[in-house]
Amino acid sequence: MELKRYQLILFAQMTNDRAATRILVVDDDEVSREVLSLLLNRQGYIVETVDSGDAALLHLSGMQKALPDVILVDLQMPGTMGSDLAQQLRPMGETRTMLLAMSGSEPEETVRRAFNGFLLKPFTMEELATVIAGDSSGAAGEPVRQHVAALDEAVYNKLVESLRKEQLERLYALCLEDAKKRIGMMRQEASKGNDAQYRRQAHAIKGSCGMVGASELQRLATSMEEQGIGVTNHVVSLDEFILACERLQGILVARGVRD
């Protein structure tokens, strides 16, 4: 209880300074960038986004003294990533810029140590504020819960409270379109026997679906990432994923979020 009270005090203190807190989000997944940009702006942060580690390095090199206070980096991206990216970002941000890692999976300890903190997707704005305030205890969150509910009500309700209806509609439409596109790519990679790319696409789906509370899709993507194309019948898994997309879309239509 005392720890929770302390975290709430830190969070309350942070809300007064958010207007002056500048955050650069580095994530190759369009859905995750959209979610974070909307939620962070809603909370009063000043937000910029880039879609790769290399783009972040180029962006920061042209900023001179106007560097962000926080750089929030996804760990699973093409190009420069992980601890290598952190080592290149550190001199550019000097000591005042906080480097935070985020991912849908727990990273290796050597990667975690390269950053000031780590957040397991999906995370709340309260968890982010706590880490920025300097207390990263418990920031990694809990592992993905194994259940078959199509929509996480807690995450959905949080988004409903934070976003306008048109923003919510655009967010879920983007998520479903991106997931279906990546499933098509996974079919192609499976036909070529490219297990690494198959798992990479599944990881991206897991992260973006987790951010919007698409629980069943997140669970299926987690399973596909862990098993790859050699352990199970990937065709059945991909077909099951498309059916799960349709179930989620039906729920959203019933709630007036999708047409």
Foldseek 3Di string as FASTA:
>chain_A
DVVVVVLVVLLVVVLVCQLVAEEEEEAQQPLVVLLCVLQSVLSNHHYDYDRHLVVVLVVLVPPVPPDGQEYEYEAQDPDDHFLRSLVSVDVSRDPRHFYEYEFCDDDDPVRQVSGQEYAHPPDDPSLVSSVSSPDRVCRPPDHQDDDQPQFDVVLQVVCVVRDDLVSLLVSLVSLLVLLLVLLVVLVVCLVVVNQVSNLSSLRSNLRSCRNRGRRNLNNLSVVCNVQTNPRDPVVVSSVVNVVSSVVNQVVCVVVVSYD
